[in-house]
Amino acid sequence: MKNTYNWKDHTWLYEGSTIKGHEPMNIDFIEPNKDCDQCDAVNDYCCFECEHEQVKNKNLNSKYTDGCEWIVPIENRKDKYE
């Protein structure tokens, strides 16, 4: 299914400033780390430290917004329009 929303003009709050040219990052790949004391594989809970590591490994240009969303620059998104 194609993305129909124009994220290019959407504004995000990031570290107290407003930024544009980003869109939400698909984070369906995140999984709990069975070796982490904070994650819970049984209940499919991934702690933020493990989530942060997995997201940064997937896309170094990702940002965690003040609204608690992972976003990526539109031109750097690897899974665009999947």
PDB file of N, CA and C in Angstrom:
ATOM      1  N   MET A   1       0.845  -1.171   0.000  1.00  0.00           N
ATOM      2  CA  MET A   1       0.000   0.000   0.000  1.00  0.00           C
ATOM      3  C   MET A   1       0.893   1.238   0.000  1.00  0.00           C
ATOM      4  N   LYS A   2       0.606   2.180  -0.848  1.00  0.00           N
ATOM      5  CA  LYS A   2       1.403   3.397  -0.951  1.00  0.00           C
ATOM      6  C   LYS A   2       1.049   4.387   0.154  1.00  0.00           C
ATOM      7  N   ASN A   3       2.065   5.103   0.573  1.00  0.00           N
ATOM      8  CA  ASN A   3       1.899   6.153   1.556  1.00  0.00           C
ATOM      9  C   ASN A   3       1.258   7.350   0.851  1.00  0.00           C
ATOM     10  N   THR A   4       0.098   7.800   1.313  1.00  0.00           N
ATOM     11  CA  THR A   4      -0.599   8.892   0.635  1.00  0.00           C
ATOM     12  C   THR A   4      -0.495  10.219   1.370  1.00  0.00           C
ATOM     13  N   TYR A   5      -0.004  10.210   2.599  1.00  0.00           N
ATOM     14  CA  TYR A   5       0.132  11.458   3.362  1.00  0.00           C
ATOM     15  C   TYR A   5       1.430  12.149   2.960  1.00  0.00           C
ATOM     16  N   ASN A   6       1.386  13.460   2.814  1.00  0.00           N
ATOM     17  CA  ASN A   6       2.576  14.217   2.445  1.00  0.00           C
ATOM     18  C   ASN A   6       3.375  14.555   3.704  1.00  0.00           C
ATOM     19  N   TRP A   7       4.268  13.659   4.092  1.00  0.00           N
ATOM     20  CA  TRP A   7       5.067  13.858   5.301  1.00  0.00           C
ATOM     21  C   TRP A   7       6.096  14.969   5.139  1.00  0.00           C
ATOM     22  N   LYS A   8       6.410  15.346   3.914  1.00  0.00           N
ATOM     23  CA  LYS A   8       7.435  16.357   3.664  1.00  0.00           C
ATOM     24  C   LYS A   8       7.149  17.664   4.402  1.00  0.00           C
ATOM     25  N   ASP A   9       5.877  18.041   4.479  1.00  0.00           N
ATOM     26  CA  ASP A   9       5.499  19.295   5.113  1.00  0.00           C
ATOM     27  C   ASP A   9       5.069  19.143   6.575  1.00  0.00           C
ATOM     28  N   HIS A  10       5.071  17.922   7.076  1.00  0.00           N
ATOM     29  CA  HIS A  10       4.681  17.664   8.460  1.00  0.00           C
ATOM     30  C   HIS A  10       5.779  18.170   9.401  1.00  0.00           C
ATOM     31  N   THR A  11       5.387  18.769  10.515  1.00  0.00           N
ATOM     32  CA  THR A  11       6.380  19.244  11.484  1.00  0.00           C
ATOM     33  C   THR A  11       6.429  18.314  12.688  1.00  0.00           C
ATOM     34  N   TRP A  12       7.620  18.139  13.218  1.00  0.00           N
ATOM     35  CA  TRP A  12       7.868  17.286  14.383  1.00  0.00           C
ATOM     36  C   TRP A  12       8.606  18.106  15.432  1.00  0.00           C
ATOM     37  N   LEU A  13       8.332  17.848  16.693  1.00  0.00           N
ATOM     38  CA  LEU A  13       9.118  18.454  17.765  1.00  0.00           C
ATOM     39  C   LEU A  13      10.263  17.514  18.091  1.00  0.00           C
ATOM     40  N   TYR A  14      11.475  18.046  18.028  1.00  0.00           N
ATOM     41  CA  TYR A  14      12.669  17.261  18.312  1.00  0.00           C
ATOM     42  C   TYR A  14      13.643  18.119  19.113  1.00  0.00           C
ATOM     43  N   GLU A  15      13.908  17.688  20.333  1.00  0.00           N
ATOM     44  CA  GLU A  15      14.798  18.410  21.245  1.00  0.00           C
ATOM     45  C   GLU A  15      14.408  19.879  21.378  1.00  0.00           C
ATOM     46  N   GLY A  16      13.101  20.120  21.479  1.00  0.00           N
ATOM     47  CA  GLY A  16      12.588  21.465  21.686  1.00  0.00           C
ATOM     48  C   GLY A  16      12.465  22.320  20.443  1.00  0.00           C
ATOM     49  N   SER A  17      12.887  21.810  19.292  1.00  0.00           N
ATOM     50  CA  SER A  17      12.790  22.556  18.032  1.00  0.00           C
ATOM     51  C   SER A  17      11.813  21.865  17.089  1.00  0.00           C
ATOM     52  N   THR A  18      11.386  22.587  16.073  1.00  0.00           N
ATOM     53  CA  THR A  18      10.497  22.026  15.062  1.00  0.00           C
ATOM     54  C   THR A  18      11.322  21.643  13.843  1.00  0.00           C
ATOM     55  N   ILE A  19      11.121  20.415  13.346  1.00  0.00           N
ATOM     56  CA  ILE A  19      11.819  19.971  12.144  1.00  0.00           C
ATOM     57  C   ILE A  19      10.811  19.447  11.131  1.00  0.00           C
ATOM     58  N   LYS A  20      11.195  19.478   9.857  1.00  0.00           N
ATOM     59  CA  LYS A  20      10.371  18.962   8.759  1.00  0.00           C
ATOM     60  C   LYS A  20      11.192  17.973   7.946  1.00  0.00           C
ATOM     61  N   GLY A  21      10.554  17.365   6.939  1.00  0.00           N
ATOM     62  CA  GLY A  21      11.255  16.465   6.034  1.00  0.00           C
ATOM     63  C   GLY A  21      11.500  15.081   6.600  1.00  0.00           C
ATOM     64  N   HIS A  22      10.721  14.704   7.596  1.00  0.00           N
ATOM     65  CA  HIS A  22      10.830  13.387   8.209  1.00  0.00           C
ATOM     66  C   HIS A  22       9.469  12.699   8.185  1.00  0.00           C
ATOM     67  N   GLU A  23       9.498  11.398   8.338  1.00  0.00           N
ATOM     68  CA  GLU A  23       8.260  10.624   8.418  1.00  0.00           C
ATOM     69  C   GLU A  23       8.453   9.504   9.432  1.00  0.00           C
ATOM     70  N   PRO A  24       7.344   8.901   9.909  1.00  0.00           N
ATOM     71  CA  PRO A  24       7.459   7.842  10.900  1.00  0.00           C
ATOM     72  C   PRO A  24       8.289   6.676  10.373  1.00  0.00           C
ATOM     73  N   MET A  25       9.042   6.068  11.264  1.00  0.00           N
ATOM     74  CA  MET A  25       9.845   4.903  10.914  1.00  0.00           C
ATOM     75  C   MET A  25       9.051   3.646  11.265  1.00  0.00           C
ATOM     76  N   ASN A  26       9.049   2.677  10.376  1.00  0.00           N
ATOM     77  CA  ASN A  26       8.422   1.394  10.651  1.00  0.00           C
ATOM     78  C   ASN A  26       9.328   0.656  11.629  1.00  0.00           C
ATOM     79  N   ILE A  27       8.819   0.372  12.821  1.00  0.00           N
ATOM     80  CA  ILE A  27       9.628  -0.293  13.838  1.00  0.00           C
ATOM     81  C   ILE A  27       9.131  -1.711  14.141  1.00  0.00           C
ATOM     82  N   ASP A  28       8.467  -2.319  13.169  1.00  0.00           N
ATOM     83  CA  ASP A  28       7.959  -3.679  13.351  1.00  0.00           C
ATOM     84  C   ASP A  28       9.067  -4.706  13.552  1.00  0.00           C
ATOM     85  N   PHE A  29      10.299  -4.358  13.219  1.00  0.00           N
ATOM     86  CA  PHE A  29      11.419  -5.285  13.326  1.00  0.00           C
ATOM     87  C   PHE A  29      11.942  -5.433  14.764  1.00  0.00           C
ATOM     88  N   ILE A  30      11.548  -4.536  15.654  1.00  0.00           N
ATOM     89  CA  ILE A  30      12.071  -4.537  17.023  1.00  0.00           C
ATOM     90  C   ILE A  30      11.587  -5.766  17.784  1.00  0.00           C
ATOM     91  N   GLU A  31      12.542  -6.429  18.448  1.00  0.00           N
ATOM     92  CA  GLU A  31      12.226  -7.617  19.239  1.00  0.00           C
ATOM     93  C   GLU A  31      12.907  -7.528  20.596  1.00  0.00           C
ATOM     94  N   PRO A  32      12.292  -8.110  21.622  1.00  0.00           N
ATOM     95  CA  PRO A  32      12.926  -8.123  22.936  1.00  0.00           C
ATOM     96  C   PRO A  32      14.249  -8.887  22.879  1.00  0.00           C
ATOM     97  N   ASN A  33      15.206  -8.420  23.647  1.00  0.00           N
ATOM     98  CA  ASN A  33      16.508  -9.076  23.737  1.00  0.00           C
ATOM     99  C   ASN A  33      16.452 -10.086  24.880  1.00  0.00           C
ATOM    100  N   LYS A  34      16.556 -11.354  24.562  1.00  0.00           N
ATOM    101  CA  LYS A  34      16.424 -12.390  25.598  1.00  0.00           C
ATOM    102  C   LYS A  34      17.563 -12.355  26.615  1.00  0.00           C
ATOM    103  N   ASP A  35      18.655 -11.682  26.293  1.00  0.00           N
ATOM    104  CA  ASP A  35      19.784 -11.562  27.220  1.00  0.00           C
ATOM    105  C   ASP A  35      19.713 -10.298  28.080  1.00  0.00           C
ATOM    106  N   CYS A  36      18.683  -9.509  27.899  1.00  0.00           N
ATOM    107  CA  CYS A  36      18.515  -8.256  28.650  1.00  0.00           C
ATOM    108  C   CYS A  36      17.592  -8.493  29.846  1.00  0.00           C
ATOM    109  N   ASP A  37      17.988  -7.975  31.008  1.00  0.00           N
ATOM    110  CA  ASP A  37      17.165  -8.113  32.217  1.00  0.00           C
ATOM    111  C   ASP A  37      15.911  -7.242  32.178  1.00  0.00           C
ATOM    112  N   GLN A  38      15.904  -6.211  31.324  1.00  0.00           N
ATOM    113  CA  GLN A  38      14.777  -5.280  31.245  1.00  0.00           C
ATOM    114  C   GLN A  38      13.703  -5.739  30.249  1.00  0.00           C
ATOM    115  N   CYS A  39      14.112  -6.435  29.205  1.00  0.00           N
ATOM    116  CA  CYS A  39      13.170  -6.915  28.186  1.00  0.00           C
ATOM    117  C   CYS A  39      12.393  -8.130  28.694  1.00  0.00           C
ATOM    118  N   ASP A  40      11.219  -8.340  28.134  1.00  0.00           N
ATOM    119  CA  ASP A  40      10.374  -9.481  28.495  1.00  0.00           C
ATOM    120  C   ASP A  40       9.915 -10.167  27.214  1.00  0.00           C
ATOM    121  N   ALA A  41      10.635 -11.223  26.830  1.00  0.00           N
ATOM    122  CA  ALA A  41      10.329 -11.933  25.586  1.00  0.00           C
ATOM    123  C   ALA A  41       8.969 -12.622  25.645  1.00  0.00           C
ATOM    124  N   VAL A  42       8.551 -13.069  26.815  1.00  0.00           N
ATOM    125  CA  VAL A  42       7.266 -13.760  26.960  1.00  0.00           C
ATOM    126  C   VAL A  42       6.113 -12.825  26.610  1.00  0.00           C
ATOM    127  N   ASN A  43       6.180 -11.585  27.085  1.00  0.00           N
ATOM    128  CA  ASN A  43       5.117 -10.606  26.832  1.00  0.00           C
ATOM    129  C   ASN A  43       5.442  -9.665  25.683  1.00  0.00           C
ATOM    130  N   ASP A  44       6.489  -9.978  24.928  1.00  0.00           N
ATOM    131  CA  ASP A  44       6.905  -9.207  23.754  1.00  0.00           C
ATOM    132  C   ASP A  44       7.179  -7.736  24.090  1.00  0.00           C
ATOM    133  N   TYR A  45       7.850  -7.511  25.245  1.00  0.00           N
ATOM    134  CA  TYR A  45       8.220  -6.158  25.645  1.00  0.00           C
ATOM    135  C   TYR A  45       9.710  -5.951  25.409  1.00  0.00           C
ATOM    136  N   CYS A  46      10.046  -4.888  24.716  1.00  0.00           N
ATOM    137  CA  CYS A  46      11.430  -4.512  24.473  1.00  0.00           C
ATOM    138  C   CYS A  46      11.713  -3.218  25.229  1.00  0.00           C
ATOM    139  N   CYS A  47      12.729  -3.213  26.076  1.00  0.00           N
ATOM    140  CA  CYS A  47      13.067  -1.998  26.824  1.00  0.00           C
ATOM    141  C   CYS A  47      13.582  -0.926  25.865  1.00  0.00           C
ATOM    142  N   PHE A  48      13.577   0.323  26.328  1.00  0.00           N
ATOM    143  CA  PHE A  48      13.963   1.412  25.439  1.00  0.00           C
ATOM    144  C   PHE A  48      15.428   1.321  25.020  1.00  0.00           C
ATOM    145  N   GLU A  49      16.312   0.900  25.901  1.00  0.00           N
ATOM    146  CA  GLU A  49      17.730   0.798  25.533  1.00  0.00           C
ATOM    147  C   GLU A  49      17.932  -0.178  24.379  1.00  0.00           C
ATOM    148  N   CYS A  50      17.277  -1.325  24.429  1.00  0.00           N
ATOM    149  CA  CYS A  50      17.391  -2.312  23.344  1.00  0.00           C
ATOM    150  C   CYS A  50      16.689  -1.811  22.084  1.00  0.00           C
ATOM    151  N   GLU A  51      15.541  -1.147  22.256  1.00  0.00           N
ATOM    152  CA  GLU A  51      14.836  -0.557  21.111  1.00  0.00           C
ATOM    153  C   GLU A  51      15.732   0.471  20.424  1.00  0.00           C
ATOM    154  N   HIS A  52      16.342   1.349  21.212  1.00  0.00           N
ATOM    155  CA  HIS A  52      17.220   2.387  20.681  1.00  0.00           C
ATOM    156  C   HIS A  52      18.373   1.771  19.895  1.00  0.00           C
ATOM    157  N   GLU A  53      18.982   0.746  20.441  1.00  0.00           N
ATOM    158  CA  GLU A  53      20.102   0.080  19.761  1.00  0.00           C
ATOM    159  C   GLU A  53      19.663  -0.540  18.433  1.00  0.00           C
ATOM    160  N   GLN A  54      18.516  -1.220  18.428  1.00  0.00           N
ATOM    161  CA  GLN A  54      18.030  -1.859  17.206  1.00  0.00           C
ATOM    162  C   GLN A  54      17.666  -0.819  16.136  1.00  0.00           C
ATOM    163  N   VAL A  55      17.030   0.269  16.555  1.00  0.00           N
ATOM    164  CA  VAL A  55      16.638   1.311  15.614  1.00  0.00           C
ATOM    165  C   VAL A  55      17.875   1.972  15.012  1.00  0.00           C
ATOM    166  N   LYS A  56      18.862   2.298  15.832  1.00  0.00           N
ATOM    167  CA  LYS A  56      20.074   2.946  15.337  1.00  0.00           C
ATOM    168  C   LYS A  56      20.882   2.014  14.436  1.00  0.00           C
ATOM    169  N   ASN A  57      20.839   0.714  14.716  1.00  0.00           N
ATOM    170  CA  ASN A  57      21.500  -0.248  13.829  1.00  0.00           C
ATOM    171  C   ASN A  57      20.819  -0.317  12.469  1.00  0.00           C
ATOM    172  N   LYS A  58      19.515  -0.088  12.443  1.00  0.00           N
ATOM    173  CA  LYS A  58      18.745  -0.123  11.201  1.00  0.00           C
ATOM    174  C   LYS A  58      18.911   1.178  10.404  1.00  0.00           C
ATOM    175  N   ASN A  59      18.894   2.315  11.099  1.00  0.00           N
ATOM    176  CA  ASN A  59      18.999   3.613  10.412  1.00  0.00           C
ATOM    177  C   ASN A  59      19.649   4.632  11.345  1.00  0.00           C
ATOM    178  N   LEU A  60      20.901   4.961  11.081  1.00  0.00           N
ATOM    179  CA  LEU A  60      21.640   5.911  11.918  1.00  0.00           C
ATOM    180  C   LEU A  60      21.029   7.302  11.915  1.00  0.00           C
ATOM    181  N   ASN A  61      20.254   7.641  10.898  1.00  0.00           N
ATOM    182  CA  ASN A  61      19.657   8.969  10.786  1.00  0.00           C
ATOM    183  C   ASN A  61      18.311   9.085  11.499  1.00  0.00           C
ATOM    184  N   SER A  62      17.903   8.034  12.193  1.00  0.00           N
ATOM    185  CA  SER A  62      16.622   8.072  12.897  1.00  0.00           C
ATOM    186  C   SER A  62      16.708   9.016  14.094  1.00  0.00           C
ATOM    187  N   LYS A  63      15.549   9.583  14.446  1.00  0.00           N
ATOM    188  CA  LYS A  63      15.453  10.486  15.584  1.00  0.00           C
ATOM    189  C   LYS A  63      14.256  10.069  16.427  1.00  0.00           C
ATOM    190  N   TYR A  64      14.382  10.233  17.746  1.00  0.00           N
ATOM    191  CA  TYR A  64      13.276   9.977  18.658  1.00  0.00           C
ATOM    192  C   TYR A  64      12.688  11.326  19.042  1.00  0.00           C
ATOM    193  N   THR A  65      11.466  11.586  18.618  1.00  0.00           N
ATOM    194  CA  THR A  65      10.866  12.910  18.791  1.00  0.00           C
ATOM    195  C   THR A  65      10.435  13.173  20.229  1.00  0.00           C
ATOM    196  N   ASP A  66      10.140  14.429  20.495  1.00  0.00           N
ATOM    197  CA  ASP A  66       9.607  14.815  21.802  1.00  0.00           C
ATOM    198  C   ASP A  66       8.241  14.177  22.040  1.00  0.00           C
ATOM    199  N   GLY A  67       7.581  13.757  20.957  1.00  0.00           N
ATOM    200  CA  GLY A  67       6.289  13.080  21.047  1.00  0.00           C
ATOM    201  C   GLY A  67       6.416  11.566  21.125  1.00  0.00           C
ATOM    202  N   CYS A  68       7.632  11.067  21.374  1.00  0.00           N
ATOM    203  CA  CYS A  68       7.911   9.637  21.573  1.00  0.00           C
ATOM    204  C   CYS A  68       7.679   8.790  20.320  1.00  0.00           C
ATOM    205  N   GLU A  69       8.073   9.313  19.167  1.00  0.00           N
ATOM    206  CA  GLU A  69       7.984   8.572  17.907  1.00  0.00           C
ATOM    207  C   GLU A  69       9.344   8.519  17.243  1.00  0.00           C
ATOM    208  N   TRP A  70       9.645   7.396  16.609  1.00  0.00           N
ATOM    209  CA  TRP A  70      10.854   7.289  15.796  1.00  0.00           C
ATOM    210  C   TRP A  70      10.538   7.821  14.413  1.00  0.00           C
ATOM    211  N   ILE A  71      11.375   8.736  13.928  1.00  0.00           N
ATOM    212  CA  ILE A  71      11.205   9.278  12.580  1.00  0.00           C
ATOM    213  C   ILE A  71      12.528   9.184  11.825  1.00  0.00           C
ATOM    214  N   VAL A  72      12.428   9.201  10.504  1.00  0.00           N
ATOM    215  CA  VAL A  72      13.603   9.174   9.640  1.00  0.00           C
ATOM    216  C   VAL A  72      13.444  10.227   8.552  1.00  0.00           C
ATOM    217  N   PRO A  73      14.571  10.761   8.074  1.00  0.00           N
ATOM    218  CA  PRO A  73      14.471  11.684   6.946  1.00  0.00           C
ATOM    219  C   PRO A  73      13.833  10.977   5.757  1.00  0.00           C
ATOM    220  N   ILE A  74      12.962  11.659   5.065  1.00  0.00           N
ATOM    221  CA  ILE A  74      12.237  11.050   3.951  1.00  0.00           C
ATOM    222  C   ILE A  74      13.182  10.461   2.918  1.00  0.00           C
ATOM    223  N   GLU A  75      14.239  11.169   2.553  1.00  0.00           N
ATOM    224  CA  GLU A  75      15.146  10.688   1.508  1.00  0.00           C
ATOM    225  C   GLU A  75      16.018   9.513   1.966  1.00  0.00           C
ATOM    226  N   ASN A  76      16.120   9.266   3.280  1.00  0.00           N
ATOM    227  CA  ASN A  76      16.971   8.186   3.776  1.00  0.00           C
ATOM    228  C   ASN A  76      16.203   6.927   4.157  1.00  0.00           C
ATOM    229  N   ARG A  77      14.909   6.948   4.008  1.00  0.00           N
ATOM    230  CA  ARG A  77      14.108   5.805   4.419  1.00  0.00           C
ATOM    231  C   ARG A  77      14.322   4.646   3.472  1.00  0.00           C
ATOM    232  N   LYS A  78      14.752   3.504   4.021  1.00  0.00           N
ATOM    233  CA  LYS A  78      15.089   2.347   3.204  1.00  0.00           C
ATOM    234  C   LYS A  78      13.863   1.550   2.766  1.00  0.00           C
ATOM    235  N   ASP A  79      12.812   1.564   3.602  1.00  0.00           N
ATOM    236  CA  ASP A  79      11.629   0.735   3.302  1.00  0.00           C
ATOM    237  C   ASP A  79      10.494   1.566   2.714  1.00  0.00           C
ATOM    238  N   LYS A  80      10.809   2.646   2.015  1.00  0.00           N
ATOM    239  CA  LYS A  80       9.795   3.564   1.498  1.00  0.00           C
ATOM    240  C   LYS A  80       8.770   2.853   0.608  1.00  0.00           C
ATOM    241  N   TYR A  81       7.530   3.088   0.908  1.00  0.00           N
ATOM    242  CA  TYR A  81       6.380   2.565   0.137  1.00  0.00           C
ATOM    243  C   TYR A  81       6.355   1.057   0.036  1.00  0.00           C
ATOM    244  N   GLU A  82       6.691   0.384   1.131  1.00  0.00           N
ATOM    245  CA  GLU A  82       6.588  -1.093   1.122  1.00  0.00           C
ATOM    246  C   GLU A  82       5.147  -1.497   1.317  1.00  0.00           C
TER     247      GLU A  82
END
